[in-house]
Amino acid sequence: MTLYSFLVILGCAIVTWLPRILPFLLVRKLQLPDIVVRFLSYVPICILTALFVQNLFVVKEGEFPDFNIGYCLAAIPTTLVAIFTKNLMWIVIVGIISMAIIRNFLI
């Protein structure tokens, strides 16, 4: 590995690390108002929902979005496990197994 490659990797690590860690360091000493804390508590679920729903549809230019059948089928047991267990590990395991079964046997 050359010095240039090492510096590029180091620079990428710093640029990736700073926006993730810096807000925590800045907010740690501050007392945020309750309304801001309540607002921020919804951000993770909004982001996850957007990522989840985005994968359920296939978008083709000039056409109405169509369902991605494989993802929709895998979402059913995964969503049920999420509702009943609220355990992230089980949700991920069921999602992976569901998608593996669908890809290997149905699609």
PDB file of N, CA and C in Angstrom:
ATOM      1  N   MET A   1       0.860  -1.168   0.000  1.00  0.00           N
ATOM      2  CA  MET A   1       0.000   0.000   0.000  1.00  0.00           C
ATOM      3  C   MET A   1       0.908   1.234   0.000  1.00  0.00           C
ATOM      4  N   THR A   2       0.570   2.174  -0.841  1.00  0.00           N
ATOM      5  CA  THR A   2       1.366   3.393  -0.915  1.00  0.00           C
ATOM      6  C   THR A   2       0.891   4.387   0.135  1.00  0.00           C
ATOM      7  N   LEU A   3       1.707   5.396   0.346  1.00  0.00           N
ATOM      8  CA  LEU A   3       1.335   6.444   1.299  1.00  0.00           C
ATOM      9  C   LEU A   3       0.073   7.165   0.828  1.00  0.00           C
ATOM     10  N   TYR A   4      -0.027   7.375  -0.484  1.00  0.00           N
ATOM     11  CA  TYR A   4      -1.199   8.040  -1.043  1.00  0.00           C
ATOM     12  C   TYR A   4      -2.474   7.241  -0.733  1.00  0.00           C
ATOM     13  N   SER A   5      -2.441   5.917  -0.946  1.00  0.00           N
ATOM     14  CA  SER A   5      -3.617   5.072  -0.664  1.00  0.00           C
ATOM     15  C   SER A   5      -3.985   5.129   0.810  1.00  0.00           C
ATOM     16  N   PHE A   6      -2.981   5.073   1.657  1.00  0.00           N
ATOM     17  CA  PHE A   6      -3.229   5.143   3.099  1.00  0.00           C
ATOM     18  C   PHE A   6      -3.883   6.466   3.485  1.00  0.00           C
ATOM     19  N   LEU A   7      -3.388   7.574   2.910  1.00  0.00           N
ATOM     20  CA  LEU A   7      -3.957   8.887   3.225  1.00  0.00           C
ATOM     21  C   LEU A   7      -5.384   9.020   2.703  1.00  0.00           C
ATOM     22  N   VAL A   8      -5.652   8.439   1.538  1.00  0.00           N
ATOM     23  CA  VAL A   8      -7.024   8.479   1.006  1.00  0.00           C
ATOM     24  C   VAL A   8      -7.957   7.692   1.922  1.00  0.00           C
ATOM     25  N   ILE A   9      -7.546   6.512   2.356  1.00  0.00           N
ATOM     26  CA  ILE A   9      -8.370   5.707   3.260  1.00  0.00           C
ATOM     27  C   ILE A   9      -8.571   6.431   4.585  1.00  0.00           C
ATOM     28  N   LEU A  10      -7.529   7.007   5.116  1.00  0.00           N
ATOM     29  CA  LEU A  10      -7.622   7.763   6.361  1.00  0.00           C
ATOM     30  C   LEU A  10      -8.549   8.962   6.210  1.00  0.00           C
ATOM     31  N   GLY A  11      -8.423   9.683   5.097  1.00  0.00           N
ATOM     32  CA  GLY A  11      -9.301  10.830   4.840  1.00  0.00           C
ATOM     33  C   GLY A  11     -10.760  10.415   4.727  1.00  0.00           C
ATOM     34  N   CYS A  12     -11.017   9.310   4.037  1.00  0.00           N
ATOM     35  CA  CYS A  12     -12.394   8.805   3.917  1.00  0.00           C
ATOM     36  C   CYS A  12     -12.947   8.410   5.278  1.00  0.00           C
ATOM     37  N   ALA A  13     -12.103   7.801   6.102  1.00  0.00           N
ATOM     38  CA  ALA A  13     -12.547   7.407   7.439  1.00  0.00           C
ATOM     39  C   ALA A  13     -12.912   8.629   8.269  1.00  0.00           C
ATOM     40  N   ILE A  14     -12.107   9.667   8.188  1.00  0.00           N
ATOM     41  CA  ILE A  14     -12.374  10.886   8.958  1.00  0.00           C
ATOM     42  C   ILE A  14     -13.647  11.561   8.462  1.00  0.00           C
ATOM     43  N   VAL A  15     -13.812  11.652   7.141  1.00  0.00           N
ATOM     44  CA  VAL A  15     -15.003  12.297   6.578  1.00  0.00           C
ATOM     45  C   VAL A  15     -16.257  11.503   6.918  1.00  0.00           C
ATOM     46  N   THR A  16     -16.161  10.190   7.010  1.00  0.00           N
ATOM     47  CA  THR A  16     -17.308   9.366   7.390  1.00  0.00           C
ATOM     48  C   THR A  16     -17.576   9.464   8.885  1.00  0.00           C
ATOM     49  N   TRP A  17     -16.541   9.517   9.670  1.00  0.00           N
ATOM     50  CA  TRP A  17     -16.655   9.505  11.118  1.00  0.00           C
ATOM     51  C   TRP A  17     -17.173  10.828  11.674  1.00  0.00           C
ATOM     52  N   LEU A  18     -16.688  11.947  11.126  1.00  0.00           N
ATOM     53  CA  LEU A  18     -17.031  13.266  11.677  1.00  0.00           C
ATOM     54  C   LEU A  18     -18.536  13.550  11.720  1.00  0.00           C
ATOM     55  N   PRO A  19     -19.271  13.407  10.611  1.00  0.00           N
ATOM     56  CA  PRO A  19     -20.705  13.733  10.704  1.00  0.00           C
ATOM     57  C   PRO A  19     -21.497  12.786  11.591  1.00  0.00           C
ATOM     58  N   ARG A  20     -20.957  11.631  11.905  1.00  0.00           N
ATOM     59  CA  ARG A  20     -21.663  10.695  12.780  1.00  0.00           C
ATOM     60  C   ARG A  20     -21.377  10.954  14.252  1.00  0.00           C
ATOM     61  N   ILE A  21     -20.173  11.356  14.569  1.00  0.00           N
ATOM     62  CA  ILE A  21     -19.760  11.523  15.958  1.00  0.00           C
ATOM     63  C   ILE A  21     -19.882  12.968  16.433  1.00  0.00           C
ATOM     64  N   LEU A  22     -19.600  13.916  15.567  1.00  0.00           N
ATOM     65  CA  LEU A  22     -19.599  15.329  15.959  1.00  0.00           C
ATOM     66  C   LEU A  22     -20.918  15.790  16.571  1.00  0.00           C
ATOM     67  N   PRO A  23     -22.085  15.446  15.987  1.00  0.00           N
ATOM     68  CA  PRO A  23     -23.342  15.876  16.634  1.00  0.00           C
ATOM     69  C   PRO A  23     -23.491  15.342  18.061  1.00  0.00           C
ATOM     70  N   PHE A  24     -23.071  14.121  18.302  1.00  0.00           N
ATOM     71  CA  PHE A  24     -23.155  13.575  19.658  1.00  0.00           C
ATOM     72  C   PHE A  24     -22.270  14.346  20.626  1.00  0.00           C
ATOM     73  N   LEU A  25     -21.083  14.713  20.164  1.00  0.00           N
ATOM     74  CA  LEU A  25     -20.167  15.454  21.020  1.00  0.00           C
ATOM     75  C   LEU A  25     -20.701  16.854  21.321  1.00  0.00           C
ATOM     76  N   LEU A  26     -21.338  17.469  20.343  1.00  0.00           N
ATOM     77  CA  LEU A  26     -21.861  18.824  20.538  1.00  0.00           C
ATOM     78  C   LEU A  26     -23.114  18.841  21.404  1.00  0.00           C
ATOM     79  N   VAL A  27     -23.984  17.876  21.232  1.00  0.00           N
ATOM     80  CA  VAL A  27     -25.267  17.860  21.938  1.00  0.00           C
ATOM     81  C   VAL A  27     -25.128  17.268  23.342  1.00  0.00           C
ATOM     82  N   ARG A  28     -24.077  16.535  23.588  1.00  0.00           N
ATOM     83  CA  ARG A  28     -23.902  15.876  24.878  1.00  0.00           C
ATOM     84  C   ARG A  28     -23.914  16.868  26.036  1.00  0.00           C
ATOM     85  N   LYS A  29     -23.357  18.029  25.836  1.00  0.00           N
ATOM     86  CA  LYS A  29     -23.269  19.032  26.908  1.00  0.00           C
ATOM     87  C   LYS A  29     -24.512  19.926  26.992  1.00  0.00           C
ATOM     88  N   LEU A  30     -25.363  19.871  25.959  1.00  0.00           N
ATOM     89  CA  LEU A  30     -26.545  20.738  25.922  1.00  0.00           C
ATOM     90  C   LEU A  30     -27.767  20.016  26.465  1.00  0.00           C
ATOM     91  N   GLN A  31     -28.674  20.795  27.006  1.00  0.00           N
ATOM     92  CA  GLN A  31     -29.977  20.273  27.409  1.00  0.00           C
ATOM     93  C   GLN A  31     -30.976  20.706  26.349  1.00  0.00           C
ATOM     94  N   LEU A  32     -31.446  19.769  25.546  1.00  0.00           N
ATOM     95  CA  LEU A  32     -32.391  20.091  24.481  1.00  0.00           C
ATOM     96  C   LEU A  32     -33.794  20.225  25.043  1.00  0.00           C
ATOM     97  N   PRO A  33     -34.588  21.113  24.453  1.00  0.00           N
ATOM     98  CA  PRO A  33     -35.994  21.224  24.884  1.00  0.00           C
ATOM     99  C   PRO A  33     -36.741  19.908  24.625  1.00  0.00           C
ATOM    100  N   ASP A  34     -37.769  19.667  25.407  1.00  0.00           N
ATOM    101  CA  ASP A  34     -38.538  18.428  25.275  1.00  0.00           C
ATOM    102  C   ASP A  34     -39.120  18.244  23.888  1.00  0.00           C
ATOM    103  N   ILE A  35     -39.564  19.314  23.266  1.00  0.00           N
ATOM    104  CA  ILE A  35     -40.165  19.197  21.937  1.00  0.00           C
ATOM    105  C   ILE A  35     -39.136  18.726  20.911  1.00  0.00           C
ATOM    106  N   VAL A  36     -37.898  19.154  21.049  1.00  0.00           N
ATOM    107  CA  VAL A  36     -36.836  18.720  20.134  1.00  0.00           C
ATOM    108  C   VAL A  36     -36.520  17.247  20.370  1.00  0.00           C
ATOM    109  N   VAL A  37     -36.464  16.840  21.618  1.00  0.00           N
ATOM    110  CA  VAL A  37     -36.190  15.439  21.940  1.00  0.00           C
ATOM    111  C   VAL A  37     -37.305  14.548  21.407  1.00  0.00           C
ATOM    112  N   ARG A  38     -38.552  14.970  21.565  1.00  0.00           N
ATOM    113  CA  ARG A  38     -39.679  14.190  21.031  1.00  0.00           C
ATOM    114  C   ARG A  38     -39.616  14.116  19.522  1.00  0.00           C
ATOM    115  N   PHE A  39     -39.297  15.234  18.866  1.00  0.00           N
ATOM    116  CA  PHE A  39     -39.167  15.246  17.410  1.00  0.00           C
ATOM    117  C   PHE A  39     -38.068  14.292  16.963  1.00  0.00           C
ATOM    118  N   LEU A  40     -36.925  14.345  17.596  1.00  0.00           N
ATOM    119  CA  LEU A  40     -35.799  13.505  17.212  1.00  0.00           C
ATOM    120  C   LEU A  40     -36.058  12.020  17.466  1.00  0.00           C
ATOM    121  N   SER A  41     -36.950  11.717  18.388  1.00  0.00           N
ATOM    122  CA  SER A  41     -37.250  10.310  18.654  1.00  0.00           C
ATOM    123  C   SER A  41     -37.963   9.645  17.484  1.00  0.00           C
ATOM    124  N   TYR A  42     -38.594  10.424  16.603  1.00  0.00           N
ATOM    125  CA  TYR A  42     -39.297   9.869  15.445  1.00  0.00           C
ATOM    126  C   TYR A  42     -38.400   9.717  14.224  1.00  0.00           C
ATOM    127  N   VAL A  43     -37.235  10.307  14.225  1.00  0.00           N
ATOM    128  CA  VAL A  43     -36.363  10.283  13.042  1.00  0.00           C
ATOM    129  C   VAL A  43     -35.966   8.855  12.646  1.00  0.00           C
ATOM    130  N   PRO A  44     -35.495   7.996  13.556  1.00  0.00           N
ATOM    131  CA  PRO A  44     -35.098   6.650  13.123  1.00  0.00           C
ATOM    132  C   PRO A  44     -36.234   5.860  12.485  1.00  0.00           C
ATOM    133  N   ILE A  45     -37.423   5.911  13.054  1.00  0.00           N
ATOM    134  CA  ILE A  45     -38.536   5.153  12.489  1.00  0.00           C
ATOM    135  C   ILE A  45     -38.942   5.713  11.129  1.00  0.00           C
ATOM    136  N   CYS A  46     -38.847   7.011  10.943  1.00  0.00           N
ATOM    137  CA  CYS A  46     -39.171   7.607   9.645  1.00  0.00           C
ATOM    138  C   CYS A  46     -38.180   7.168   8.580  1.00  0.00           C
ATOM    139  N   ILE A  47     -36.908   7.149   8.924  1.00  0.00           N
ATOM    140  CA  ILE A  47     -35.883   6.741   7.967  1.00  0.00           C
ATOM    141  C   ILE A  47     -36.037   5.264   7.621  1.00  0.00           C
ATOM    142  N   LEU A  48     -36.234   4.421   8.625  1.00  0.00           N
ATOM    143  CA  LEU A  48     -36.403   2.998   8.364  1.00  0.00           C
ATOM    144  C   LEU A  48     -37.655   2.723   7.537  1.00  0.00           C
ATOM    145  N   THR A  49     -38.730   3.432   7.801  1.00  0.00           N
ATOM    146  CA  THR A  49     -39.956   3.253   7.031  1.00  0.00           C
ATOM    147  C   THR A  49     -39.746   3.655   5.579  1.00  0.00           C
ATOM    148  N   ALA A  50     -39.066   4.767   5.356  1.00  0.00           N
ATOM    149  CA  ALA A  50     -38.795   5.207   3.992  1.00  0.00           C
ATOM    150  C   ALA A  50     -37.945   4.186   3.239  1.00  0.00           C
ATOM    151  N   LEU A  51     -36.927   3.654   3.881  1.00  0.00           N
ATOM    152  CA  LEU A  51     -36.083   2.643   3.237  1.00  0.00           C
ATOM    153  C   LEU A  51     -36.866   1.362   2.973  1.00  0.00           C
ATOM    154  N   PHE A  52     -37.705   0.976   3.907  1.00  0.00           N
ATOM    155  CA  PHE A  52     -38.505  -0.242   3.775  1.00  0.00           C
ATOM    156  C   PHE A  52     -39.504  -0.130   2.625  1.00  0.00           C
ATOM    157  N   VAL A  53     -40.269   0.942   2.606  1.00  0.00           N
ATOM    158  CA  VAL A  53     -41.314   1.113   1.598  1.00  0.00           C
ATOM    159  C   VAL A  53     -40.715   1.302   0.202  1.00  0.00           C
ATOM    160  N   GLN A  54     -39.576   1.965   0.132  1.00  0.00           N
ATOM    161  CA  GLN A  54     -38.922   2.195  -1.155  1.00  0.00           C
ATOM    162  C   GLN A  54     -38.602   0.878  -1.859  1.00  0.00           C
ATOM    163  N   ASN A  55     -38.243  -0.137  -1.107  1.00  0.00           N
ATOM    164  CA  ASN A  55     -37.890  -1.420  -1.709  1.00  0.00           C
ATOM    165  C   ASN A  55     -39.092  -2.268  -2.086  1.00  0.00           C
ATOM    166  N   LEU A  56     -40.273  -1.900  -1.639  1.00  0.00           N
ATOM    167  CA  LEU A  56     -41.459  -2.685  -1.969  1.00  0.00           C
ATOM    168  C   LEU A  56     -41.988  -2.388  -3.371  1.00  0.00           C
ATOM    169  N   PHE A  57     -41.501  -1.348  -4.005  1.00  0.00           N
ATOM    170  CA  PHE A  57     -41.996  -0.948  -5.319  1.00  0.00           C
ATOM    171  C   PHE A  57     -40.893  -0.967  -6.360  1.00  0.00           C
ATOM    172  N   VAL A  58     -41.287  -1.268  -7.610  1.00  0.00           N
ATOM    173  CA  VAL A  58     -40.385  -1.180  -8.753  1.00  0.00           C
ATOM    174  C   VAL A  58     -40.880  -0.005  -9.581  1.00  0.00           C
ATOM    175  N   VAL A  59     -40.012   0.970  -9.782  1.00  0.00           N
ATOM    176  CA  VAL A  59     -40.407   2.168 -10.516  1.00  0.00           C
ATOM    177  C   VAL A  59     -39.773   2.138 -11.896  1.00  0.00           C
ATOM    178  N   LYS A  60     -40.613   2.295 -12.901  1.00  0.00           N
ATOM    179  CA  LYS A  60     -40.140   2.393 -14.285  1.00  0.00           C
ATOM    180  C   LYS A  60     -40.618   3.731 -14.823  1.00  0.00           C
ATOM    181  N   GLU A  61     -39.736   4.403 -15.534  1.00  0.00           N
ATOM    182  CA  GLU A  61     -40.048   5.745 -16.019  1.00  0.00           C
ATOM    183  C   GLU A  61     -41.278   5.715 -16.922  1.00  0.00           C
ATOM    184  N   GLY A  62     -42.204   6.613 -16.640  1.00  0.00           N
ATOM    185  CA  GLY A  62     -43.409   6.732 -17.435  1.00  0.00           C
ATOM    186  C   GLY A  62     -44.495   5.738 -17.075  1.00  0.00           C
ATOM    187  N   GLU A  63     -44.279   4.906 -16.067  1.00  0.00           N
ATOM    188  CA  GLU A  63     -45.265   3.917 -15.669  1.00  0.00           C
ATOM    189  C   GLU A  63     -45.607   4.079 -14.194  1.00  0.00           C
ATOM    190  N   PHE A  64     -46.744   3.547 -13.826  1.00  0.00           N
ATOM    191  CA  PHE A  64     -47.147   3.545 -12.427  1.00  0.00           C
ATOM    192  C   PHE A  64     -46.274   2.532 -11.683  1.00  0.00           C
ATOM    193  N   PRO A  65     -45.850   2.839 -10.476  1.00  0.00           N
ATOM    194  CA  PRO A  65     -45.003   1.891  -9.737  1.00  0.00           C
ATOM    195  C   PRO A  65     -45.689   0.537  -9.564  1.00  0.00           C
ATOM    196  N   ASP A  66     -44.883  -0.509  -9.669  1.00  0.00           N
ATOM    197  CA  ASP A  66     -45.383  -1.871  -9.533  1.00  0.00           C
ATOM    198  C   ASP A  66     -44.807  -2.479  -8.259  1.00  0.00           C
ATOM    199  N   PHE A  67     -45.472  -3.483  -7.725  1.00  0.00           N
ATOM    200  CA  PHE A  67     -44.986  -4.137  -6.513  1.00  0.00           C
ATOM    201  C   PHE A  67     -43.805  -5.036  -6.833  1.00  0.00           C
ATOM    202  N   ASN A  68     -42.828  -5.048  -5.937  1.00  0.00           N
ATOM    203  CA  ASN A  68     -41.748  -6.025  -5.984  1.00  0.00           C
ATOM    204  C   ASN A  68     -42.251  -7.215  -5.183  1.00  0.00           C
ATOM    205  N   ILE A  69     -42.753  -8.216  -5.873  1.00  0.00           N
ATOM    206  CA  ILE A  69     -43.463  -9.330  -5.233  1.00  0.00           C
ATOM    207  C   ILE A  69     -42.602 -10.039  -4.184  1.00  0.00           C
ATOM    208  N   GLY A  70     -41.340 -10.273  -4.499  1.00  0.00           N
ATOM    209  CA  GLY A  70     -40.467 -10.968  -3.551  1.00  0.00           C
ATOM    210  C   GLY A  70     -40.332 -10.222  -2.241  1.00  0.00           C
ATOM    211  N   TYR A  71     -40.085  -8.926  -2.332  1.00  0.00           N
ATOM    212  CA  TYR A  71     -39.930  -8.126  -1.113  1.00  0.00           C
ATOM    213  C   TYR A  71     -41.252  -8.007  -0.354  1.00  0.00           C
ATOM    214  N   CYS A  72     -42.339  -7.886  -1.095  1.00  0.00           N
ATOM    215  CA  CYS A  72     -43.652  -7.790  -0.430  1.00  0.00           C
ATOM    216  C   CYS A  72     -43.981  -9.076   0.331  1.00  0.00           C
ATOM    217  N   LEU A  73     -43.666 -10.222  -0.275  1.00  0.00           N
ATOM    218  CA  LEU A  73     -43.921 -11.491   0.410  1.00  0.00           C
ATOM    219  C   LEU A  73     -43.028 -11.650   1.638  1.00  0.00           C
ATOM    220  N   ALA A  74     -41.780 -11.246   1.533  1.00  0.00           N
ATOM    221  CA  ALA A  74     -40.865 -11.346   2.675  1.00  0.00           C
ATOM    222  C   ALA A  74     -41.244 -10.355   3.772  1.00  0.00           C
ATOM    223  N   ALA A  75     -41.870  -9.269   3.398  1.00  0.00           N
ATOM    224  CA  ALA A  75     -42.249  -8.244   4.373  1.00  0.00           C
ATOM    225  C   ALA A  75     -43.381  -8.715   5.285  1.00  0.00           C
ATOM    226  N   ILE A  76     -44.204  -9.628   4.813  1.00  0.00           N
ATOM    227  CA  ILE A  76     -45.359 -10.066   5.612  1.00  0.00           C
ATOM    228  C   ILE A  76     -44.919 -10.761   6.911  1.00  0.00           C
ATOM    229  N   PRO A  77     -44.135 -11.854   6.849  1.00  0.00           N
ATOM    230  CA  PRO A  77     -43.733 -12.470   8.131  1.00  0.00           C
ATOM    231  C   PRO A  77     -42.802 -11.577   8.944  1.00  0.00           C
ATOM    232  N   THR A  78     -41.979 -10.795   8.244  1.00  0.00           N
ATOM    233  CA  THR A  78     -41.061  -9.908   8.961  1.00  0.00           C
ATOM    234  C   THR A  78     -41.831  -8.853   9.747  1.00  0.00           C
ATOM    235  N   THR A  79     -42.850  -8.278   9.136  1.00  0.00           N
ATOM    236  CA  THR A  79     -43.664  -7.272   9.814  1.00  0.00           C
ATOM    237  C   THR A  79     -44.422  -7.886  10.988  1.00  0.00           C
ATOM    238  N   LEU A  80     -44.934  -9.089  10.804  1.00  0.00           N
ATOM    239  CA  LEU A  80     -45.648  -9.750  11.902  1.00  0.00           C
ATOM    240  C   LEU A  80     -44.714 -10.007  13.092  1.00  0.00           C
ATOM    241  N   VAL A  81     -43.495 -10.450  12.812  1.00  0.00           N
ATOM    242  CA  VAL A  81     -42.528 -10.666  13.890  1.00  0.00           C
ATOM    243  C   VAL A  81     -42.193  -9.340  14.562  1.00  0.00           C
ATOM    244  N   ALA A  82     -42.080  -8.270  13.771  1.00  0.00           N
ATOM    245  CA  ALA A  82     -41.792  -6.951  14.345  1.00  0.00           C
ATOM    246  C   ALA A  82     -42.911  -6.495  15.269  1.00  0.00           C
ATOM    247  N   ILE A  83     -44.136  -6.722  14.860  1.00  0.00           N
ATOM    248  CA  ILE A  83     -45.277  -6.289  15.667  1.00  0.00           C
ATOM    249  C   ILE A  83     -45.366  -7.083  16.976  1.00  0.00           C
ATOM    250  N   PHE A  84     -45.169  -8.397  16.882  1.00  0.00           N
ATOM    251  CA  PHE A  84     -45.378  -9.240  18.052  1.00  0.00           C
ATOM    252  C   PHE A  84     -44.183  -9.329  18.989  1.00  0.00           C
ATOM    253  N   THR A  85     -42.956  -9.284  18.458  1.00  0.00           N
ATOM    254  CA  THR A  85     -41.798  -9.461  19.332  1.00  0.00           C
ATOM    255  C   THR A  85     -41.095  -8.156  19.682  1.00  0.00           C
ATOM    256  N   LYS A  86     -41.069  -7.225  18.746  1.00  0.00           N
ATOM    257  CA  LYS A  86     -40.333  -5.965  18.922  1.00  0.00           C
ATOM    258  C   LYS A  86     -38.861  -6.231  19.253  1.00  0.00           C
ATOM    259  N   ASN A  87     -38.337  -7.320  18.710  1.00  0.00           N
ATOM    260  CA  ASN A  87     -36.957  -7.733  18.939  1.00  0.00           C
ATOM    261  C   ASN A  87     -36.216  -7.646  17.614  1.00  0.00           C
ATOM    262  N   LEU A  88     -35.265  -6.718  17.524  1.00  0.00           N
ATOM    263  CA  LEU A  88     -34.572  -6.462  16.263  1.00  0.00           C
ATOM    264  C   LEU A  88     -33.859  -7.694  15.734  1.00  0.00           C
ATOM    265  N   MET A  89     -33.278  -8.493  16.611  1.00  0.00           N
ATOM    266  CA  MET A  89     -32.569  -9.686  16.156  1.00  0.00           C
ATOM    267  C   MET A  89     -33.522 -10.653  15.452  1.00  0.00           C
ATOM    268  N   TRP A  90     -34.692 -10.880  16.032  1.00  0.00           N
ATOM    269  CA  TRP A  90     -35.662 -11.782  15.415  1.00  0.00           C
ATOM    270  C   TRP A  90     -36.220 -11.208  14.119  1.00  0.00           C
ATOM    271  N   ILE A  91     -36.393  -9.916  14.079  1.00  0.00           N
ATOM    272  CA  ILE A  91     -36.893  -9.270  12.860  1.00  0.00           C
ATOM    273  C   ILE A  91     -35.904  -9.486  11.719  1.00  0.00           C
ATOM    274  N   VAL A  92     -34.631  -9.260  11.979  1.00  0.00           N
ATOM    275  CA  VAL A  92     -33.606  -9.426  10.950  1.00  0.00           C
ATOM    276  C   VAL A  92     -33.507 -10.888  10.528  1.00  0.00           C
ATOM    277  N   ILE A  93     -33.514 -11.803  11.487  1.00  0.00           N
ATOM    278  CA  ILE A  93     -33.411 -13.229  11.164  1.00  0.00           C
ATOM    279  C   ILE A  93     -34.586 -13.685  10.306  1.00  0.00           C
ATOM    280  N   VAL A  94     -35.797 -13.309  10.697  1.00  0.00           N
ATOM    281  CA  VAL A  94     -36.979 -13.708   9.926  1.00  0.00           C
ATOM    282  C   VAL A  94     -36.953 -13.065   8.537  1.00  0.00           C
ATOM    283  N   GLY A  95     -36.520 -11.821   8.450  1.00  0.00           N
ATOM    284  CA  GLY A  95     -36.425 -11.161   7.147  1.00  0.00           C
ATOM    285  C   GLY A  95     -35.439 -11.845   6.223  1.00  0.00           C
ATOM    286  N   ILE A  96     -34.287 -12.200   6.748  1.00  0.00           N
ATOM    287  CA  ILE A  96     -33.267 -12.870   5.934  1.00  0.00           C
ATOM    288  C   ILE A  96     -33.745 -14.254   5.497  1.00  0.00           C
ATOM    289  N   ILE A  97     -34.304 -15.005   6.427  1.00  0.00           N
ATOM    290  CA  ILE A  97     -34.791 -16.354   6.091  1.00  0.00           C
ATOM    291  C   ILE A  97     -35.936 -16.273   5.084  1.00  0.00           C
ATOM    292  N   SER A  98     -36.849 -15.338   5.289  1.00  0.00           N
ATOM    293  CA  SER A  98     -37.973 -15.177   4.360  1.00  0.00           C
ATOM    294  C   SER A  98     -37.472 -14.852   2.957  1.00  0.00           C
ATOM    295  N   MET A  99     -36.537 -13.922   2.862  1.00  0.00           N
ATOM    296  CA  MET A  99     -36.019 -13.534   1.554  1.00  0.00           C
ATOM    297  C   MET A  99     -35.258 -14.688   0.910  1.00  0.00           C
ATOM    298  N   ALA A 100     -34.516 -15.459   1.703  1.00  0.00           N
ATOM    299  CA  ALA A 100     -33.781 -16.607   1.165  1.00  0.00           C
ATOM    300  C   ALA A 100     -34.737 -17.661   0.615  1.00  0.00           C
ATOM    301  N   ILE A 101     -35.799 -17.948   1.363  1.00  0.00           N
ATOM    302  CA  ILE A 101     -36.784 -18.937   0.906  1.00  0.00           C
ATOM    303  C   ILE A 101     -37.456 -18.463  -0.372  1.00  0.00           C
ATOM    304  N   ILE A 102     -37.848 -17.203  -0.406  1.00  0.00           N
ATOM    305  CA  ILE A 102     -38.533 -16.670  -1.591  1.00  0.00           C
ATOM    306  C   ILE A 102     -37.610 -16.690  -2.804  1.00  0.00           C
ATOM    307  N   ARG A 103     -36.376 -16.264  -2.633  1.00  0.00           N
ATOM    308  CA  ARG A 103     -35.452 -16.238  -3.776  1.00  0.00           C
ATOM    309  C   ARG A 103     -35.094 -17.645  -4.253  1.00  0.00           C
ATOM    310  N   ASN A 104     -34.998 -18.595  -3.365  1.00  0.00           N
ATOM    311  CA  ASN A 104     -34.600 -19.941  -3.757  1.00  0.00           C
ATOM    312  C   ASN A 104     -35.750 -20.792  -4.305  1.00  0.00           C
ATOM    313  N   PHE A 105     -36.968 -20.572  -3.830  1.00  0.00           N
ATOM    314  CA  PHE A 105     -38.051 -21.452  -4.196  1.00  0.00           C
ATOM    315  C   PHE A 105     -39.173 -20.809  -5.000  1.00  0.00           C
ATOM    316  N   LEU A 106     -39.355 -19.508  -4.885  1.00  0.00           N
ATOM    317  CA  LEU A 106     -40.507 -18.894  -5.557  1.00  0.00           C
ATOM    318  C   LEU A 106     -40.132 -18.009  -6.740  1.00  0.00           C
ATOM    319  N   ILE A 107     -38.998 -17.366  -6.677  1.00  0.00           N
ATOM    320  CA  ILE A 107     -38.657 -16.421  -7.758  1.00  0.00           C
ATOM    321  C   ILE A 107     -37.485 -16.942  -8.547  1.00  0.00           C
TER     322      ILE A 107
END
